[in-house]
């Protein structure tokens, strides 16, 4: 029988804006997926892996920049002043 832990936190936090979650995911993908792809492509002289790693890293950088801009704009607007715990679909950007 499996025991349920009701105190377990969800993987995606419910008390953070969506822009913050996307920023963190993009940083993690950039560090742990695209960087190793690029390094393996350079070490093995495989141009496809190297270019895939560079493209993915660039895409993650663009997402990080966009989510940073969204976060700054929404913070200036005051949308994050009273952020509360909500489901993912109902959370603010």
C-alpha atoms as a PDB file:
ATOM      1  CA  UNK A   1       0.000   0.000   0.000  1.00  0.00           C
ATOM      2  CA  UNK A   2       1.326   3.419  -0.948  1.00  0.00           C
ATOM      3  CA  UNK A   3       1.241   6.141   1.643  1.00  0.00           C
ATOM      4  CA  UNK A   4       0.323   9.638   0.531  1.00  0.00           C
ATOM      5  CA  UNK A   5       2.276  12.544   1.887  1.00  0.00           C
ATOM      6  CA  UNK A   6      -0.101  15.500   1.994  1.00  0.00           C
ATOM      7  CA  UNK A   7       2.684  17.867   3.056  1.00  0.00           C
ATOM      8  CA  UNK A   8       4.659  17.257  -0.133  1.00  0.00           C
ATOM      9  CA  UNK A   9       5.190  20.406  -2.220  1.00  0.00           C
ATOM     10  CA  UNK A  10       4.304  20.268  -5.925  1.00  0.00           C
ATOM     11  CA  UNK A  11       7.088  20.384  -8.537  1.00  0.00           C
ATOM     12  CA  UNK A  12       5.723  23.637  -9.950  1.00  0.00           C
ATOM     13  CA  UNK A  13       5.290  26.104  -7.081  1.00  0.00           C
ATOM     14  CA  UNK A  14       1.822  27.551  -6.692  1.00  0.00           C
ATOM     15  CA  UNK A  15       2.936  30.767  -5.040  1.00  0.00           C
ATOM     16  CA  UNK A  16       5.200  32.020  -7.871  1.00  0.00           C
ATOM     17  CA  UNK A  17       4.165  33.718 -11.132  1.00  0.00           C
ATOM     18  CA  UNK A  18       4.294  31.782 -14.397  1.00  0.00           C
ATOM     19  CA  UNK A  19       7.102  33.992 -15.720  1.00  0.00           C
ATOM     20  CA  UNK A  20       9.315  32.948 -12.792  1.00  0.00           C
ATOM     21  CA  UNK A  21       8.618  29.246 -13.416  1.00  0.00           C
ATOM     22  CA  UNK A  22       9.396  29.535 -17.141  1.00  0.00           C
ATOM     23  CA  UNK A  23      12.595  31.458 -16.339  1.00  0.00           C
ATOM     24  CA  UNK A  24      13.824  28.753 -13.962  1.00  0.00           C
ATOM     25  CA  UNK A  25      12.945  25.954 -16.415  1.00  0.00           C
ATOM     26  CA  UNK A  26      14.783  27.756 -19.244  1.00  0.00           C
ATOM     27  CA  UNK A  27      17.878  28.226 -17.063  1.00  0.00           C
ATOM     28  CA  UNK A  28      17.882  24.558 -16.063  1.00  0.00           C
ATOM     29  CA  UNK A  29      17.420  23.350 -19.648  1.00  0.00           C
ATOM     30  CA  UNK A  30      20.194  25.677 -20.780  1.00  0.00           C
ATOM     31  CA  UNK A  31      22.588  24.436 -18.116  1.00  0.00           C
ATOM     32  CA  UNK A  32      21.820  20.746 -17.978  1.00  0.00           C
ATOM     33  CA  UNK A  33      20.728  19.882 -21.524  1.00  0.00           C
ATOM     34  CA  UNK A  34      22.069  22.349 -24.077  1.00  0.00           C
ATOM     35  CA  UNK A  35      25.495  22.889 -22.508  1.00  0.00           C
ATOM     36  CA  UNK A  36      26.345  19.163 -22.332  1.00  0.00           C
ATOM     37  CA  UNK A  37      25.073  18.726 -25.903  1.00  0.00           C
ATOM     38  CA  UNK A  38      27.330  21.519 -27.067  1.00  0.00           C
ATOM     39  CA  UNK A  39      30.338  20.152 -25.155  1.00  0.00           C
ATOM     40  CA  UNK A  40      29.836  16.613 -26.472  1.00  0.00           C
ATOM     41  CA  UNK A  41      29.454  18.003 -30.003  1.00  0.00           C
ATOM     42  CA  UNK A  42      32.711  19.953 -29.670  1.00  0.00           C
ATOM     43  CA  UNK A  43      34.654  17.054 -28.119  1.00  0.00           C
ATOM     44  CA  UNK A  44      33.446  14.490 -30.689  1.00  0.00           C
ATOM     45  CA  UNK A  45      33.588  17.000 -33.552  1.00  0.00           C
ATOM     46  CA  UNK A  46      29.932  16.275 -34.291  1.00  0.00           C
ATOM     47  CA  UNK A  47      28.601  19.457 -35.880  1.00  0.00           C
ATOM     48  CA  UNK A  48      24.948  18.445 -35.513  1.00  0.00           C
ATOM     49  CA  UNK A  49      25.160  18.041 -31.717  1.00  0.00           C
ATOM     50  CA  UNK A  50      27.204  21.208 -31.403  1.00  0.00           C
ATOM     51  CA  UNK A  51      24.732  23.256 -33.442  1.00  0.00           C
ATOM     52  CA  UNK A  52      21.757  21.699 -31.622  1.00  0.00           C
ATOM     53  CA  UNK A  53      23.328  22.622 -28.277  1.00  0.00           C
ATOM     54  CA  UNK A  54      24.049  26.171 -29.465  1.00  0.00           C
ATOM     55  CA  UNK A  55      20.524  26.600 -30.848  1.00  0.00           C
ATOM     56  CA  UNK A  56      18.916  25.265 -27.675  1.00  0.00           C
ATOM     57  CA  UNK A  57      21.142  27.493 -25.533  1.00  0.00           C
ATOM     58  CA  UNK A  58      20.187  30.515 -27.645  1.00  0.00           C
ATOM     59  CA  UNK A  59      16.476  29.617 -27.383  1.00  0.00           C
ATOM     60  CA  UNK A  60      16.784  29.285 -23.599  1.00  0.00           C
ATOM     61  CA  UNK A  61      18.537  32.663 -23.461  1.00  0.00           C
ATOM     62  CA  UNK A  62      15.707  34.270 -25.413  1.00  0.00           C
ATOM     63  CA  UNK A  63      13.099  32.729 -23.095  1.00  0.00           C
ATOM     64  CA  UNK A  64      15.062  33.920 -20.038  1.00  0.00           C
ATOM     65  CA  UNK A  65      15.269  37.447 -21.422  1.00  0.00           C
ATOM     66  CA  UNK A  66      11.570  37.518 -22.281  1.00  0.00           C
ATOM     67  CA  UNK A  67      10.498  36.175 -18.885  1.00  0.00           C
ATOM     68  CA  UNK A  68      12.793  38.676 -17.156  1.00  0.00           C
ATOM     69  CA  UNK A  69      11.145  41.505 -19.084  1.00  0.00           C
ATOM     70  CA  UNK A  70       7.671  40.175 -18.253  1.00  0.00           C
ATOM     71  CA  UNK A  71       8.613  39.834 -14.585  1.00  0.00           C
ATOM     72  CA  UNK A  72      10.047  43.343 -14.356  1.00  0.00           C
ATOM     73  CA  UNK A  73       7.059  44.930 -16.116  1.00  0.00           C
ATOM     74  CA  UNK A  74       4.519  43.048 -13.992  1.00  0.00           C
ATOM     75  CA  UNK A  75       6.439  43.873 -10.818  1.00  0.00           C
ATOM     76  CA  UNK A  76       6.469  47.579 -11.689  1.00  0.00           C
ATOM     77  CA  UNK A  77       2.723  47.389 -12.383  1.00  0.00           C
ATOM     78  CA  UNK A  78       2.209  45.917  -8.921  1.00  0.00           C
ATOM     79  CA  UNK A  79       0.737  42.645 -10.101  1.00  0.00           C
ATOM     80  CA  UNK A  80       2.995  40.603  -7.814  1.00  0.00           C
ATOM     81  CA  UNK A  81       2.317  42.617  -4.667  1.00  0.00           C
ATOM     82  CA  UNK A  82      -0.346  40.296  -3.338  1.00  0.00           C
ATOM     83  CA  UNK A  83       0.448  37.037  -5.117  1.00  0.00           C
ATOM     84  CA  UNK A  84      -1.209  34.057  -3.498  1.00  0.00           C
ATOM     85  CA  UNK A  85      -1.142  30.302  -3.886  1.00  0.00           C
ATOM     86  CA  UNK A  86      -3.262  29.223  -6.882  1.00  0.00           C
ATOM     87  CA  UNK A  87      -3.510  26.404  -9.392  1.00  0.00           C
ATOM     88  CA  UNK A  88      -1.164  26.651 -12.372  1.00  0.00           C
ATOM     89  CA  UNK A  89      -3.964  27.619 -14.796  1.00  0.00           C
ATOM     90  CA  UNK A  90      -5.140  30.446 -12.548  1.00  0.00           C
ATOM     91  CA  UNK A  91      -1.700  31.845 -11.638  1.00  0.00           C
ATOM     92  CA  UNK A  92      -0.657  35.285 -12.889  1.00  0.00           C
ATOM     93  CA  UNK A  93       2.107  35.889 -15.409  1.00  0.00           C
END
